[in-house]
mmCIF file of all heavy atoms, coordinates in Angstrom:
data_MODEL
# 
_entry.id   MODEL 
# 
loop_
_atom_site.group_PDB 
_atom_site.id 
_atom_site.type_symbol 
_atom_site.label_atom_id 
_atom_site.label_alt_id 
_atom_site.label_comp_id 
_atom_site.label_asym_id 
_atom_site.label_entity_id 
_atom_site.label_seq_id 
_atom_site.pdbx_PDB_ins_code 
_atom_site.Cartn_x 
_atom_site.Cartn_y 
_atom_site.Cartn_z 
_atom_site.occupancy 
_atom_site.B_iso_or_equiv 
_atom_site.pdbx_formal_charge 
_atom_site.auth_seq_id 
_atom_site.auth_comp_id 
_atom_site.auth_asym_id 
_atom_site.auth_atom_id 
_atom_site.pdbx_PDB_model_num 
ATOM 1   N N   . VAL A 1 1  ? 22.987 -44.624 39.786 1.00 0.00 ? 1  VAL A N   1 
ATOM 2   C CA  . VAL A 1 1  ? 22.229 -43.472 39.294 1.00 0.00 ? 1  VAL A CA  1 
ATOM 3   C C   . VAL A 1 1  ? 22.887 -42.174 39.750 1.00 0.00 ? 1  VAL A C   1 
ATOM 4   O O   . VAL A 1 1  ? 23.040 -41.219 38.970 1.00 0.00 ? 1  VAL A O   1 
ATOM 5   C CB  . VAL A 1 1  ? 20.763 -43.537 39.790 1.00 0.00 ? 1  VAL A CB  1 
ATOM 6   C CG1 . VAL A 1 1  ? 20.026 -42.253 39.429 1.00 0.00 ? 1  VAL A CG1 1 
ATOM 7   C CG2 . VAL A 1 1  ? 20.051 -44.741 39.193 1.00 0.00 ? 1  VAL A CG2 1 
ATOM 8   N N   . PHE A 1 2  ? 23.295 -42.150 41.008 1.00 0.00 ? 2  PHE A N   1 
ATOM 9   C CA  . PHE A 1 2  ? 23.949 -40.959 41.548 1.00 0.00 ? 2  PHE A CA  1 
ATOM 10  C C   . PHE A 1 2  ? 25.287 -40.704 40.849 1.00 0.00 ? 2  PHE A C   1 
ATOM 11  O O   . PHE A 1 2  ? 25.640 -39.554 40.548 1.00 0.00 ? 2  PHE A O   1 
ATOM 12  C CB  . PHE A 1 2  ? 24.162 -41.115 43.054 1.00 0.00 ? 2  PHE A CB  1 
ATOM 13  C CG  . PHE A 1 2  ? 24.882 -39.963 43.695 1.00 0.00 ? 2  PHE A CG  1 
ATOM 14  C CD1 . PHE A 1 2  ? 24.223 -38.775 43.979 1.00 0.00 ? 2  PHE A CD1 1 
ATOM 15  C CD2 . PHE A 1 2  ? 26.238 -40.052 44.001 1.00 0.00 ? 2  PHE A CD2 1 
ATOM 16  C CE1 . PHE A 1 2  ? 24.887 -37.706 44.563 1.00 0.00 ? 2  PHE A CE1 1 
ATOM 17  C CE2 . PHE A 1 2  ? 26.905 -38.991 44.591 1.00 0.00 ? 2  PHE A CE2 1 
ATOM 18  C CZ  . PHE A 1 2  ? 26.233 -37.814 44.870 1.00 0.00 ? 2  PHE A CZ  1 
ATOM 19  N N   . GLY A 1 3  ? 26.047 -41.772 40.571 1.00 0.00 ? 3  GLY A N   1 
ATOM 20  C CA  . GLY A 1 3  ? 27.336 -41.626 39.890 1.00 0.00 ? 3  GLY A CA  1 
ATOM 21  C C   . GLY A 1 3  ? 27.183 -40.985 38.524 1.00 0.00 ? 3  GLY A C   1 
ATOM 22  O O   . GLY A 1 3  ? 27.962 -40.100 38.144 1.00 0.00 ? 3  GLY A O   1 
ATOM 23  N N   . LYS A 1 4  ? 26.157 -41.421 37.780 1.00 0.00 ? 4  LYS A N   1 
ATOM 24  C CA  . LYS A 1 4  ? 25.901 -40.827 36.462 1.00 0.00 ? 4  LYS A CA  1 
ATOM 25  C C   . LYS A 1 4  ? 25.492 -39.357 36.600 1.00 0.00 ? 4  LYS A C   1 
ATOM 26  O O   . LYS A 1 4  ? 25.865 -38.517 35.775 1.00 0.00 ? 4  LYS A O   1 
ATOM 27  C CB  . LYS A 1 4  ? 24.805 -41.615 35.745 1.00 0.00 ? 4  LYS A CB  1 
ATOM 28  C CG  . LYS A 1 4  ? 25.225 -43.013 35.318 1.00 0.00 ? 4  LYS A CG  1 
ATOM 29  C CD  . LYS A 1 4  ? 24.073 -43.755 34.644 1.00 0.00 ? 4  LYS A CD  1 
ATOM 30  C CE  . LYS A 1 4  ? 24.499 -45.167 34.234 1.00 0.00 ? 4  LYS A CE  1 
ATOM 31  N NZ  . LYS A 1 4  ? 23.371 -45.921 33.623 1.00 0.00 ? 4  LYS A NZ  1 
ATOM 32  N N   . PHE A 1 5  ? 24.724 -39.060 37.657 1.00 0.00 ? 5  PHE A N   1 
ATOM 33  C CA  . PHE A 1 5  ? 24.279 -37.693 37.905 1.00 0.00 ? 5  PHE A CA  1 
ATOM 34  C C   . PHE A 1 5  ? 25.476 -36.780 38.150 1.00 0.00 ? 5  PHE A C   1 
ATOM 35  O O   . PHE A 1 5  ? 25.579 -35.690 37.563 1.00 0.00 ? 5  PHE A O   1 
ATOM 36  C CB  . PHE A 1 5  ? 23.334 -37.675 39.117 1.00 0.00 ? 5  PHE A CB  1 
ATOM 37  C CG  . PHE A 1 5  ? 22.671 -36.350 39.366 1.00 0.00 ? 5  PHE A CG  1 
ATOM 38  C CD1 . PHE A 1 5  ? 21.372 -36.115 38.958 1.00 0.00 ? 5  PHE A CD1 1 
ATOM 39  C CD2 . PHE A 1 5  ? 23.343 -35.319 40.024 1.00 0.00 ? 5  PHE A CD2 1 
ATOM 40  C CE1 . PHE A 1 5  ? 20.746 -34.896 39.189 1.00 0.00 ? 5  PHE A CE1 1 
ATOM 41  C CE2 . PHE A 1 5  ? 22.739 -34.097 40.263 1.00 0.00 ? 5  PHE A CE2 1 
ATOM 42  C CZ  . PHE A 1 5  ? 21.434 -33.884 39.840 1.00 0.00 ? 5  PHE A CZ  1 
ATOM 43  N N   . VAL A 1 6  ? 26.402 -37.218 39.008 1.00 0.00 ? 6  VAL A N   1 
ATOM 44  C CA  . VAL A 1 6  ? 27.577 -36.410 39.343 1.00 0.00 ? 6  VAL A CA  1 
ATOM 45  C C   . VAL A 1 6  ? 28.466 -36.207 38.115 1.00 0.00 ? 6  VAL A C   1 
ATOM 46  O O   . VAL A 1 6  ? 28.975 -35.104 37.872 1.00 0.00 ? 6  VAL A O   1 
ATOM 47  C CB  . VAL A 1 6  ? 28.374 -37.064 40.490 1.00 0.00 ? 6  VAL A CB  1 
ATOM 48  C CG1 . VAL A 1 6  ? 29.690 -36.327 40.716 1.00 0.00 ? 6  VAL A CG1 1 
ATOM 49  C CG2 . VAL A 1 6  ? 27.561 -37.077 41.772 1.00 0.00 ? 6  VAL A CG2 1 
ATOM 50  N N   . THR A 1 7  ? 28.639 -37.267 37.336 1.00 0.00 ? 7  THR A N   1 
ATOM 51  C CA  . THR A 1 7  ? 29.467 -37.165 36.126 1.00 0.00 ? 7  THR A CA  1 
ATOM 52  C C   . THR A 1 7  ? 28.873 -36.162 35.145 1.00 0.00 ? 7  THR A C   1 
ATOM 53  O O   . THR A 1 7  ? 29.588 -35.333 34.565 1.00 0.00 ? 7  THR A O   1 
ATOM 54  C CB  . THR A 1 7  ? 29.596 -38.539 35.457 1.00 0.00 ? 7  THR A CB  1 
ATOM 55  O OG1 . THR A 1 7  ? 30.227 -39.457 36.369 1.00 0.00 ? 7  THR A OG1 1 
ATOM 56  C CG2 . THR A 1 7  ? 30.431 -38.448 34.185 1.00 0.00 ? 7  THR A CG2 1 
ATOM 57  N N   . ALA A 1 8  ? 27.557 -36.209 34.963 1.00 0.00 ? 8  ALA A N   1 
ATOM 58  C CA  . ALA A 1 8  ? 26.877 -35.271 34.055 1.00 0.00 ? 8  ALA A CA  1 
ATOM 59  C C   . ALA A 1 8  ? 27.024 -33.843 34.567 1.00 0.00 ? 8  ALA A C   1 
ATOM 60  O O   . ALA A 1 8  ? 27.242 -32.900 33.788 1.00 0.00 ? 8  ALA A O   1 
ATOM 61  C CB  . ALA A 1 8  ? 25.408 -35.651 33.926 1.00 0.00 ? 8  ALA A CB  1 
ATOM 62  N N   . MET A 1 9  ? 26.910 -33.689 35.881 1.00 0.00 ? 9  MET A N   1 
ATOM 63  C CA  . MET A 1 9  ? 27.019 -32.365 36.475 1.00 0.00 ? 9  MET A CA  1 
ATOM 64  C C   . MET A 1 9  ? 28.433 -31.801 36.297 1.00 0.00 ? 9  MET A C   1 
ATOM 65  O O   . MET A 1 9  ? 28.609 -30.617 35.976 1.00 0.00 ? 9  MET A O   1 
ATOM 66  C CB  . MET A 1 9  ? 26.695 -32.483 37.962 1.00 0.00 ? 9  MET A CB  1 
ATOM 67  C CG  . MET A 1 9  ? 26.101 -31.237 38.585 1.00 0.00 ? 9  MET A CG  1 
ATOM 68  S SD  . MET A 1 9  ? 25.444 -31.625 40.195 1.00 0.00 ? 9  MET A SD  1 
ATOM 69  C CE  . MET A 1 9  ? 25.877 -30.122 41.051 1.00 0.00 ? 9  MET A CE  1 
ATOM 70  N N   . TYR A 1 10 ? 29.448 -32.642 36.470 1.00 0.00 ? 10 TYR A N   1 
ATOM 71  C CA  . TYR A 1 10 ? 30.841 -32.206 36.299 1.00 0.00 ? 10 TYR A CA  1 
ATOM 72  C C   . TYR A 1 10 ? 31.100 -31.821 34.844 1.00 0.00 ? 10 TYR A C   1 
ATOM 73  O O   . TYR A 1 10 ? 31.763 -30.814 34.558 1.00 0.00 ? 10 TYR A O   1 
ATOM 74  C CB  . TYR A 1 10 ? 31.790 -33.319 36.732 1.00 0.00 ? 10 TYR A CB  1 
ATOM 75  C CG  . TYR A 1 10 ? 33.253 -32.973 36.538 1.00 0.00 ? 10 TYR A CG  1 
ATOM 76  C CD1 . TYR A 1 10 ? 33.955 -32.249 37.507 1.00 0.00 ? 10 TYR A CD1 1 
ATOM 77  C CD2 . TYR A 1 10 ? 33.936 -33.345 35.378 1.00 0.00 ? 10 TYR A CD2 1 
ATOM 78  C CE1 . TYR A 1 10 ? 35.290 -31.921 37.327 1.00 0.00 ? 10 TYR A CE1 1 
ATOM 79  C CE2 . TYR A 1 10 ? 35.265 -33.013 35.190 1.00 0.00 ? 10 TYR A CE2 1 
ATOM 80  C CZ  . TYR A 1 10 ? 35.936 -32.299 36.170 1.00 0.00 ? 10 TYR A CZ  1 
ATOM 81  O OH  . TYR A 1 10 ? 37.255 -31.963 35.989 1.00 0.00 ? 10 TYR A OH  1 
ATOM 82  N N   . THR A 1 11 ? 30.567 -32.625 33.916 1.00 0.00 ? 11 THR A N   1 
ATOM 83  C CA  . THR A 1 11 ? 30.746 -32.331 32.492 1.00 0.00 ? 11 THR A CA  1 
ATOM 84  C C   . THR A 1 11 ? 30.143 -30.976 32.144 1.00 0.00 ? 11 THR A C   1 
ATOM 85  O O   . THR A 1 11 ? 30.747 -30.175 31.427 1.00 0.00 ? 11 THR A O   1 
ATOM 86  C CB  . THR A 1 11 ? 30.091 -33.431 31.637 1.00 0.00 ? 11 THR A CB  1 
ATOM 87  O OG1 . THR A 1 11 ? 30.651 -34.705 31.986 1.00 0.00 ? 11 THR A OG1 1 
ATOM 88  C CG2 . THR A 1 11 ? 30.318 -33.175 30.159 1.00 0.00 ? 11 THR A CG2 1 
ATOM 89  N N   . ALA A 1 12 ? 28.944 -30.714 32.662 1.00 0.00 ? 12 ALA A N   1 
ATOM 90  C CA  . ALA A 1 12 ? 28.287 -29.421 32.414 1.00 0.00 ? 12 ALA A CA  1 
ATOM 91  C C   . ALA A 1 12 ? 29.089 -28.287 33.031 1.00 0.00 ? 12 ALA A C   1 
ATOM 92  O O   . ALA A 1 12 ? 29.274 -27.226 32.415 1.00 0.00 ? 12 ALA A O   1 
ATOM 93  C CB  . ALA A 1 12 ? 26.873 -29.444 32.994 1.00 0.00 ? 12 ALA A CB  1 
ATOM 94  N N   . PHE A 1 13 ? 29.577 -28.492 34.247 1.00 0.00 ? 13 PHE A N   1 
ATOM 95  C CA  . PHE A 1 13 ? 30.322 -27.461 34.967 1.00 0.00 ? 13 PHE A CA  1 
ATOM 96  C C   . PHE A 1 13 ? 31.552 -27.014 34.171 1.00 0.00 ? 13 PHE A C   1 
ATOM 97  O O   . PHE A 1 13 ? 31.804 -25.817 34.006 1.00 0.00 ? 13 PHE A O   1 
ATOM 98  C CB  . PHE A 1 13 ? 30.743 -27.995 36.335 1.00 0.00 ? 13 PHE A CB  1 
ATOM 99  C CG  . PHE A 1 13 ? 31.435 -26.993 37.213 1.00 0.00 ? 13 PHE A CG  1 
ATOM 100 C CD1 . PHE A 1 13 ? 30.719 -26.243 38.138 1.00 0.00 ? 13 PHE A CD1 1 
ATOM 101 C CD2 . PHE A 1 13 ? 32.808 -26.782 37.135 1.00 0.00 ? 13 PHE A CD2 1 
ATOM 102 C CE1 . PHE A 1 13 ? 31.347 -25.313 38.955 1.00 0.00 ? 13 PHE A CE1 1 
ATOM 103 C CE2 . PHE A 1 13 ? 33.447 -25.856 37.938 1.00 0.00 ? 13 PHE A CE2 1 
ATOM 104 C CZ  . PHE A 1 13 ? 32.709 -25.117 38.851 1.00 0.00 ? 13 PHE A CZ  1 
ATOM 105 N N   . THR A 1 14 ? 32.315 -27.969 33.684 1.00 0.00 ? 14 THR A N   1 
ATOM 106 C CA  . THR A 1 14 ? 33.551 -27.638 32.966 1.00 0.00 ? 14 THR A CA  1 
ATOM 107 C C   . THR A 1 14 ? 33.278 -27.116 31.559 1.00 0.00 ? 14 THR A C   1 
ATOM 108 O O   . THR A 1 14 ? 33.930 -26.182 31.093 1.00 0.00 ? 14 THR A O   1 
ATOM 109 C CB  . THR A 1 14 ? 34.476 -28.864 32.901 1.00 0.00 ? 14 THR A CB  1 
ATOM 110 O OG1 . THR A 1 14 ? 33.756 -29.981 32.355 1.00 0.00 ? 14 THR A OG1 1 
ATOM 111 C CG2 . THR A 1 14 ? 34.976 -29.235 34.288 1.00 0.00 ? 14 THR A CG2 1 
ATOM 112 N N   . ALA A 1 15 ? 32.292 -27.699 30.875 1.00 0.00 ? 15 ALA A N   1 
ATOM 113 C CA  . ALA A 1 15 ? 32.005 -27.282 29.497 1.00 0.00 ? 15 ALA A CA  1 
ATOM 114 C C   . ALA A 1 15 ? 31.441 -25.876 29.436 1.00 0.00 ? 15 ALA A C   1 
ATOM 115 O O   . ALA A 1 15 ? 31.703 -25.137 28.476 1.00 0.00 ? 15 ALA A O   1 
ATOM 116 C CB  . ALA A 1 15 ? 31.025 -28.268 28.857 1.00 0.00 ? 15 ALA A CB  1 
ATOM 117 N N   . LEU A 1 16 ? 30.685 -25.484 30.472 1.00 0.00 ? 16 LEU A N   1 
ATOM 118 C CA  . LEU A 1 16 ? 30.021 -24.183 30.461 1.00 0.00 ? 16 LEU A CA  1 
ATOM 119 C C   . LEU A 1 16 ? 30.800 -23.105 31.217 1.00 0.00 ? 16 LEU A C   1 
ATOM 120 O O   . LEU A 1 16 ? 30.325 -21.980 31.349 1.00 0.00 ? 16 LEU A O   1 
ATOM 121 C CB  . LEU A 1 16 ? 28.620 -24.319 31.072 1.00 0.00 ? 16 LEU A CB  1 
ATOM 122 C CG  . LEU A 1 16 ? 27.655 -25.252 30.327 1.00 0.00 ? 16 LEU A CG  1 
ATOM 123 C CD1 . LEU A 1 16 ? 26.365 -25.423 31.123 1.00 0.00 ? 16 LEU A CD1 1 
ATOM 124 C CD2 . LEU A 1 16 ? 27.354 -24.712 28.938 1.00 0.00 ? 16 LEU A CD2 1 
ATOM 125 N N   . ASP A 1 17 ? 31.983 -23.439 31.718 1.00 0.00 ? 17 ASP A N   1 
ATOM 126 C CA  . ASP A 1 17 ? 32.797 -22.487 32.490 1.00 0.00 ? 17 ASP A CA  1 
ATOM 127 C C   . ASP A 1 17 ? 32.009 -21.912 33.662 1.00 0.00 ? 17 ASP A C   1 
ATOM 128 O O   . ASP A 1 17 ? 31.924 -20.694 33.854 1.00 0.00 ? 17 ASP A O   1 
ATOM 129 C CB  . ASP A 1 17 ? 33.300 -21.347 31.597 1.00 0.00 ? 17 ASP A CB  1 
ATOM 130 C CG  . ASP A 1 17 ? 34.355 -21.811 30.609 1.00 0.00 ? 17 ASP A CG  1 
ATOM 131 O OD1 . ASP A 1 17 ? 35.327 -22.447 31.042 1.00 0.00 ? 17 ASP A OD1 1 
ATOM 132 O OD2 . ASP A 1 17 ? 34.198 -21.556 29.401 1.00 0.00 ? 17 ASP A OD2 1 
ATOM 133 N N   . CYS A 1 18 ? 31.438 -22.802 34.444 1.00 0.00 ? 18 CYS A N   1 
ATOM 134 C CA  . CYS A 1 18 ? 30.633 -22.376 35.589 1.00 0.00 ? 18 CYS A CA  1 
ATOM 135 C C   . CYS A 1 18 ? 31.516 -21.937 36.752 1.00 0.00 ? 18 CYS A C   1 
ATOM 136 O O   . CYS A 1 18 ? 32.655 -22.391 36.895 1.00 0.00 ? 18 CYS A O   1 
ATOM 137 C CB  . CYS A 1 18 ? 29.721 -23.507 36.058 1.00 0.00 ? 18 CYS A CB  1 
ATOM 138 S SG  . CYS A 1 18 ? 28.451 -23.974 34.870 1.00 0.00 ? 18 CYS A SG  1 
ATOM 139 N N   . ALA A 1 19 ? 30.985 -21.054 37.568 1.00 0.00 ? 19 ALA A N   1 
ATOM 140 C CA  . ALA A 1 19 ? 31.631 -20.680 38.817 1.00 0.00 ? 19 ALA A CA  1 
ATOM 141 C C   . ALA A 1 19 ? 31.087 -21.542 39.947 1.00 0.00 ? 19 ALA A C   1 
ATOM 142 O O   . ALA A 1 19 ? 31.813 -21.920 40.869 1.00 0.00 ? 19 ALA A O   1 
ATOM 143 C CB  . ALA A 1 19 ? 31.401 -19.206 39.119 1.00 0.00 ? 19 ALA A CB  1 
ATOM 144 N N   . ILE A 1 20 ? 29.799 -21.844 39.884 1.00 0.00 ? 20 ILE A N   1 
ATOM 145 C CA  . ILE A 1 20 ? 29.166 -22.735 40.863 1.00 0.00 ? 20 ILE A CA  1 
ATOM 146 C C   . ILE A 1 20 ? 27.927 -23.362 40.247 1.00 0.00 ? 20 ILE A C   1 
ATOM 147 O O   . ILE A 1 20 ? 27.214 -22.729 39.473 1.00 0.00 ? 20 ILE A O   1 
ATOM 148 C CB  . ILE A 1 20 ? 28.800 -21.982 42.167 1.00 0.00 ? 20 ILE A CB  1 
ATOM 149 C CG1 . ILE A 1 20 ? 28.222 -22.949 43.208 1.00 0.00 ? 20 ILE A CG1 1 
ATOM 150 C CG2 . ILE A 1 20 ? 27.812 -20.865 41.892 1.00 0.00 ? 20 ILE A CG2 1 
ATOM 151 C CD1 . ILE A 1 20 ? 28.035 -22.325 44.584 1.00 0.00 ? 20 ILE A CD1 1 
ATOM 152 N N   . VAL A 1 21 ? 27.723 -24.625 40.569 1.00 0.00 ? 21 VAL A N   1 
ATOM 153 C CA  . VAL A 1 21 ? 26.457 -25.303 40.279 1.00 0.00 ? 21 VAL A CA  1 
ATOM 154 C C   . VAL A 1 21 ? 26.013 -25.921 41.594 1.00 0.00 ? 21 VAL A C   1 
ATOM 155 O O   . VAL A 1 21 ? 26.715 -26.757 42.161 1.00 0.00 ? 21 VAL A O   1 
ATOM 156 C CB  . VAL A 1 21 ? 26.600 -26.390 39.200 1.00 0.00 ? 21 VAL A CB  1 
ATOM 157 C CG1 . VAL A 1 21 ? 25.277 -27.141 39.038 1.00 0.00 ? 21 VAL A CG1 1 
ATOM 158 C CG2 . VAL A 1 21 ? 27.022 -25.788 37.870 1.00 0.00 ? 21 VAL A CG2 1 
ATOM 159 N N   . GLU A 1 22 ? 24.870 -25.493 42.086 1.00 0.00 ? 22 GLU A N   1 
ATOM 160 C CA  . GLU A 1 22 ? 24.388 -25.961 43.388 1.00 0.00 ? 22 GLU A CA  1 
ATOM 161 C C   . GLU A 1 22 ? 23.000 -26.573 43.228 1.00 0.00 ? 22 GLU A C   1 
ATOM 162 O O   . GLU A 1 22 ? 22.092 -25.929 42.702 1.00 0.00 ? 22 GLU A O   1 
ATOM 163 C CB  . GLU A 1 22 ? 24.337 -24.806 44.381 1.00 0.00 ? 22 GLU A CB  1 
ATOM 164 C CG  . GLU A 1 22 ? 23.890 -25.216 45.782 1.00 0.00 ? 22 GLU A CG  1 
ATOM 165 C CD  . GLU A 1 22 ? 23.842 -24.031 46.738 1.00 0.00 ? 22 GLU A CD  1 
ATOM 166 O OE1 . GLU A 1 22 ? 23.066 -23.081 46.461 1.00 0.00 ? 22 GLU A OE1 1 
ATOM 167 O OE2 . GLU A 1 22 ? 24.566 -24.041 47.741 1.00 0.00 ? 22 GLU A OE2 1 
ATOM 168 N N   . ILE A 1 23 ? 22.852 -27.806 43.674 1.00 0.00 ? 23 ILE A N   1 
ATOM 169 C CA  . ILE A 1 23 ? 21.571 -28.494 43.660 1.00 0.00 ? 23 ILE A CA  1 
ATOM 170 C C   . ILE A 1 23 ? 21.128 -28.667 45.109 1.00 0.00 ? 23 ILE A C   1 
ATOM 171 O O   . ILE A 1 23 ? 21.700 -29.462 45.855 1.00 0.00 ? 23 ILE A O   1 
ATOM 172 C CB  . ILE A 1 23 ? 21.676 -29.885 42.984 1.00 0.00 ? 23 ILE A CB  1 
ATOM 173 C CG1 . ILE A 1 23 ? 22.359 -29.773 41.620 1.00 0.00 ? 23 ILE A CG1 1 
ATOM 174 C CG2 . ILE A 1 23 ? 20.305 -30.521 42.873 1.00 0.00 ? 23 ILE A CG2 1 
ATOM 175 C CD1 . ILE A 1 23 ? 21.617 -28.953 40.607 1.00 0.00 ? 23 ILE A CD1 1 
ATOM 176 N N   . ASN A 1 24 ? 20.125 -27.909 45.498 1.00 0.00 ? 24 ASN A N   1 
ATOM 177 C CA  . ASN A 1 24 ? 19.661 -27.952 46.882 1.00 0.00 ? 24 ASN A CA  1 
ATOM 178 C C   . ASN A 1 24 ? 18.160 -27.657 46.949 1.00 0.00 ? 24 ASN A C   1 
ATOM 179 O O   . ASN A 1 24 ? 17.754 -26.508 46.841 1.00 0.00 ? 24 ASN A O   1 
ATOM 180 C CB  . ASN A 1 24 ? 20.431 -26.940 47.732 1.00 0.00 ? 24 ASN A CB  1 
ATOM 181 C CG  . ASN A 1 24 ? 20.125 -27.080 49.211 1.00 0.00 ? 24 ASN A CG  1 
ATOM 182 O OD1 . ASN A 1 24 ? 19.696 -28.136 49.661 1.00 0.00 ? 24 ASN A OD1 1 
ATOM 183 N ND2 . ASN A 1 24 ? 20.337 -26.013 49.965 1.00 0.00 ? 24 ASN A ND2 1 
ATOM 184 N N   . PRO A 1 25 ? 17.347 -28.716 47.082 1.00 0.00 ? 25 PRO A N   1 
ATOM 185 C CA  . PRO A 1 25 ? 17.793 -30.077 47.370 1.00 0.00 ? 25 PRO A CA  1 
ATOM 186 C C   . PRO A 1 25 ? 17.968 -30.935 46.114 1.00 0.00 ? 25 PRO A C   1 
ATOM 187 O O   . PRO A 1 25 ? 17.321 -30.709 45.092 1.00 0.00 ? 25 PRO A O   1 
ATOM 188 C CB  . PRO A 1 25 ? 16.641 -30.626 48.209 1.00 0.00 ? 25 PRO A CB  1 
ATOM 189 C CG  . PRO A 1 25 ? 15.429 -29.940 47.650 1.00 0.00 ? 25 PRO A CG  1 
ATOM 190 C CD  . PRO A 1 25 ? 15.895 -28.557 47.261 1.00 0.00 ? 25 PRO A CD  1 
# 
């Protein structure tokens, strides 16, 4: 589940030209 979460987050980060995406908590 965590692996899919990280992959989705990376895809969003690169597709949206993000500077930072922080999930806390």
